[in-house]
Amino acid sequence: MGIHMVKFKLITALVLIVLVIIVVLQNTQPVETKFLFVTMTMPRAALLAITMLVGVAVGILVALGLSGKKFKKD
């Protein structure tokens, strides 16, 4: 498992980094975003990153909330 797993993780991380760089470079156009009463202009890549981070945070909170619940056995 040792060295092969480390190489696999390194290659996977490098591929993901390259994919992220490609997405960022292809999405530099500014977009106008409205949230409640605020209108913001930001690069599309920034909006994608913010959306992803919010999704990850919600997923982690839901996972922690579900793992913390204990069900009673009758």
N, C-alpha and C. Protein backbone atom coordinates (compact mmCIF):
# COMPACT_ATOMS: atom_id res chain seq x y z
N MET A 1 0.83 -1.19 0.00
CA MET A 1 0.00 0.00 0.00
C MET A 1 0.87 1.26 0.00
N GLY A 2 1.91 1.32 0.70
CA GLY A 2 2.74 2.47 0.98
C GLY A 2 3.00 3.44 -0.16
N ILE A 3 4.05 3.20 -0.93
CA ILE A 3 4.51 4.16 -1.93
C ILE A 3 3.52 4.30 -3.09
N HIS A 4 2.83 3.22 -3.43
CA HIS A 4 1.86 3.29 -4.53
C HIS A 4 0.68 4.19 -4.17
N MET A 5 0.24 4.12 -2.93
CA MET A 5 -0.87 4.96 -2.50
C MET A 5 -0.46 6.42 -2.47
N VAL A 6 0.76 6.71 -2.05
CA VAL A 6 1.25 8.08 -2.03
C VAL A 6 1.33 8.63 -3.45
N LYS A 7 1.83 7.82 -4.38
CA LYS A 7 1.89 8.26 -5.78
C LYS A 7 0.50 8.50 -6.34
N PHE A 8 -0.43 7.61 -6.02
CA PHE A 8 -1.80 7.76 -6.49
C PHE A 8 -2.42 9.06 -5.97
N LYS A 9 -2.24 9.34 -4.70
CA LYS A 9 -2.78 10.57 -4.11
C LYS A 9 -2.14 11.81 -4.73
N LEU A 10 -0.84 11.75 -4.97
CA LEU A 10 -0.13 12.88 -5.58
C LEU A 10 -0.63 13.13 -7.00
N ILE A 11 -0.78 12.09 -7.78
CA ILE A 11 -1.27 12.23 -9.16
C ILE A 11 -2.70 12.75 -9.16
N THR A 12 -3.54 12.22 -8.27
CA THR A 12 -4.92 12.69 -8.17
C THR A 12 -4.97 14.17 -7.80
N ALA A 13 -4.16 14.59 -6.85
CA ALA A 13 -4.12 15.99 -6.45
C ALA A 13 -3.66 16.88 -7.60
N LEU A 14 -2.65 16.44 -8.33
CA LEU A 14 -2.16 17.24 -9.47
C LEU A 14 -3.21 17.36 -10.56
N VAL A 15 -3.92 16.28 -10.85
CA VAL A 15 -4.99 16.33 -11.86
C VAL A 15 -6.09 17.29 -11.42
N LEU A 16 -6.48 17.24 -10.15
CA LEU A 16 -7.51 18.15 -9.65
C LEU A 16 -7.05 19.60 -9.72
N ILE A 17 -5.80 19.86 -9.39
CA ILE A 17 -5.26 21.23 -9.47
C ILE A 17 -5.29 21.73 -10.90
N VAL A 18 -4.89 20.89 -11.85
CA VAL A 18 -4.92 21.28 -13.26
C VAL A 18 -6.35 21.57 -13.70
N LEU A 19 -7.30 20.74 -13.29
CA LEU A 19 -8.71 20.98 -13.65
C LEU A 19 -9.22 22.29 -13.07
N VAL A 20 -8.85 22.58 -11.84
CA VAL A 20 -9.28 23.84 -11.22
C VAL A 20 -8.68 25.03 -11.97
N ILE A 21 -7.42 24.94 -12.34
CA ILE A 21 -6.78 26.02 -13.09
C ILE A 21 -7.48 26.24 -14.43
N ILE A 22 -7.84 25.15 -15.11
CA ILE A 22 -8.55 25.26 -16.39
C ILE A 22 -9.90 25.95 -16.20
N VAL A 23 -10.64 25.57 -15.17
CA VAL A 23 -11.95 26.18 -14.91
C VAL A 23 -11.78 27.67 -14.62
N VAL A 24 -10.79 28.03 -13.82
CA VAL A 24 -10.58 29.44 -13.48
C VAL A 24 -10.21 30.24 -14.72
N LEU A 25 -9.33 29.71 -15.54
CA LEU A 25 -8.91 30.44 -16.74
C LEU A 25 -10.03 30.59 -17.76
N GLN A 26 -10.96 29.67 -17.79
CA GLN A 26 -12.07 29.75 -18.74
C GLN A 26 -13.24 30.57 -18.22
N ASN A 27 -13.21 30.96 -16.95
CA ASN A 27 -14.34 31.66 -16.37
C ASN A 27 -13.91 32.97 -15.71
N THR A 28 -13.24 33.81 -16.47
CA THR A 28 -12.78 35.08 -15.91
C THR A 28 -13.73 36.23 -16.20
N GLN A 29 -14.79 35.98 -16.99
CA GLN A 29 -15.72 37.05 -17.32
C GLN A 29 -16.48 37.50 -16.07
N PRO A 30 -16.70 38.81 -15.96
CA PRO A 30 -17.46 39.29 -14.80
C PRO A 30 -18.94 38.96 -14.94
N VAL A 31 -19.55 38.60 -13.83
CA VAL A 31 -20.98 38.35 -13.80
C VAL A 31 -21.60 39.18 -12.68
N GLU A 32 -22.82 39.59 -12.90
CA GLU A 32 -23.55 40.37 -11.90
C GLU A 32 -24.42 39.42 -11.11
N THR A 33 -24.29 39.46 -9.80
CA THR A 33 -25.02 38.56 -8.92
C THR A 33 -25.84 39.39 -7.94
N LYS A 34 -27.10 39.04 -7.81
CA LYS A 34 -27.98 39.72 -6.87
C LYS A 34 -28.27 38.79 -5.70
N PHE A 35 -28.05 39.29 -4.49
CA PHE A 35 -28.34 38.54 -3.28
C PHE A 35 -29.08 39.46 -2.33
N LEU A 36 -30.34 39.18 -2.10
CA LEU A 36 -31.24 40.02 -1.32
C LEU A 36 -31.27 41.42 -1.92
N PHE A 37 -30.71 42.40 -1.21
CA PHE A 37 -30.76 43.78 -1.71
C PHE A 37 -29.41 44.26 -2.24
N VAL A 38 -28.46 43.36 -2.37
CA VAL A 38 -27.11 43.72 -2.79
C VAL A 38 -26.84 43.15 -4.17
N THR A 39 -26.27 43.97 -5.04
CA THR A 39 -25.84 43.51 -6.36
C THR A 39 -24.32 43.59 -6.42
N MET A 40 -23.70 42.45 -6.74
CA MET A 40 -22.24 42.38 -6.78
C MET A 40 -21.78 41.96 -8.17
N THR A 41 -20.64 42.46 -8.57
CA THR A 41 -20.01 42.03 -9.82
C THR A 41 -18.70 41.35 -9.45
N MET A 42 -18.53 40.13 -9.94
CA MET A 42 -17.32 39.37 -9.63
C MET A 42 -17.03 38.43 -10.79
N PRO A 43 -15.81 37.93 -10.88
CA PRO A 43 -15.51 36.95 -11.92
C PRO A 43 -16.34 35.67 -11.70
N ARG A 44 -16.71 35.04 -12.79
CA ARG A 44 -17.52 33.83 -12.71
C ARG A 44 -16.82 32.76 -11.88
N ALA A 45 -15.50 32.66 -11.99
CA ALA A 45 -14.75 31.66 -11.22
C ALA A 45 -14.91 31.90 -9.72
N ALA A 46 -14.93 33.15 -9.30
CA ALA A 46 -15.12 33.46 -7.88
C ALA A 46 -16.51 33.03 -7.42
N LEU A 47 -17.51 33.26 -8.26
CA LEU A 47 -18.86 32.85 -7.91
C LEU A 47 -18.95 31.33 -7.81
N LEU A 48 -18.30 30.62 -8.72
CA LEU A 48 -18.27 29.16 -8.67
C LEU A 48 -17.57 28.68 -7.39
N ALA A 49 -16.47 29.32 -7.03
CA ALA A 49 -15.73 28.93 -5.83
C ALA A 49 -16.56 29.17 -4.57
N ILE A 50 -17.22 30.32 -4.50
CA ILE A 50 -18.06 30.62 -3.33
C ILE A 50 -19.19 29.61 -3.22
N THR A 51 -19.83 29.30 -4.35
CA THR A 51 -20.93 28.33 -4.34
C THR A 51 -20.44 26.96 -3.89
N MET A 52 -19.27 26.55 -4.37
CA MET A 52 -18.71 25.27 -3.98
C MET A 52 -18.40 25.23 -2.48
N LEU A 53 -17.79 26.30 -1.97
CA LEU A 53 -17.44 26.34 -0.55
C LEU A 53 -18.68 26.31 0.34
N VAL A 54 -19.73 27.01 -0.07
CA VAL A 54 -20.98 26.98 0.69
C VAL A 54 -21.56 25.56 0.67
N GLY A 55 -21.52 24.92 -0.48
CA GLY A 55 -22.03 23.55 -0.59
C GLY A 55 -21.24 22.57 0.27
N VAL A 56 -19.93 22.71 0.28
CA VAL A 56 -19.10 21.84 1.11
C VAL A 56 -19.41 22.08 2.58
N ALA A 57 -19.52 23.33 2.98
CA ALA A 57 -19.82 23.66 4.38
C ALA A 57 -21.17 23.08 4.81
N VAL A 58 -22.18 23.23 3.96
CA VAL A 58 -23.50 22.68 4.29
C VAL A 58 -23.42 21.15 4.38
N GLY A 59 -22.70 20.53 3.46
CA GLY A 59 -22.55 19.08 3.50
C GLY A 59 -21.88 18.60 4.77
N ILE A 60 -20.83 19.31 5.20
CA ILE A 60 -20.15 18.93 6.43
C ILE A 60 -21.06 19.10 7.64
N LEU A 61 -21.79 20.22 7.67
CA LEU A 61 -22.70 20.45 8.80
C LEU A 61 -23.80 19.41 8.86
N VAL A 62 -24.34 19.05 7.72
CA VAL A 62 -25.39 18.02 7.68
C VAL A 62 -24.81 16.67 8.12
N ALA A 63 -23.62 16.34 7.64
CA ALA A 63 -23.00 15.07 8.01
C ALA A 63 -22.71 15.03 9.51
N LEU A 64 -22.23 16.13 10.07
CA LEU A 64 -21.97 16.17 11.51
C LEU A 64 -23.26 16.09 12.30
N GLY A 65 -24.29 16.75 11.80
CA GLY A 65 -25.58 16.72 12.49
C GLY A 65 -26.19 15.33 12.48
N LEU A 66 -26.07 14.63 11.38
CA LEU A 66 -26.64 13.29 11.30
C LEU A 66 -25.82 12.29 12.11
N SER A 67 -24.50 12.47 12.15
CA SER A 67 -23.68 11.53 12.90
C SER A 67 -23.81 11.75 14.40
N GLY A 68 -24.22 12.94 14.82
CA GLY A 68 -24.36 13.22 16.23
C GLY A 68 -25.67 12.74 16.83
N LYS A 69 -26.65 12.43 16.00
CA LYS A 69 -27.94 11.98 16.51
C LYS A 69 -27.86 10.51 16.91
N LYS A 70 -28.44 10.23 18.03
CA LYS A 70 -28.49 8.84 18.48
C LYS A 70 -29.95 8.40 18.49
N PHE A 71 -30.20 7.28 17.91
CA PHE A 71 -31.54 6.76 17.83
C PHE A 71 -31.78 5.79 18.97
N LYS A 72 -32.97 5.90 19.57
CA LYS A 72 -33.33 5.00 20.65
C LYS A 72 -33.79 3.68 20.09
N LYS A 73 -33.34 2.61 20.72
CA LYS A 73 -33.80 1.28 20.34
C LYS A 73 -34.85 0.85 21.34
N ASP A 74 -35.95 0.37 20.82
CA ASP A 74 -37.03 -0.08 21.73
C ASP A 74 -36.80 -1.48 22.21
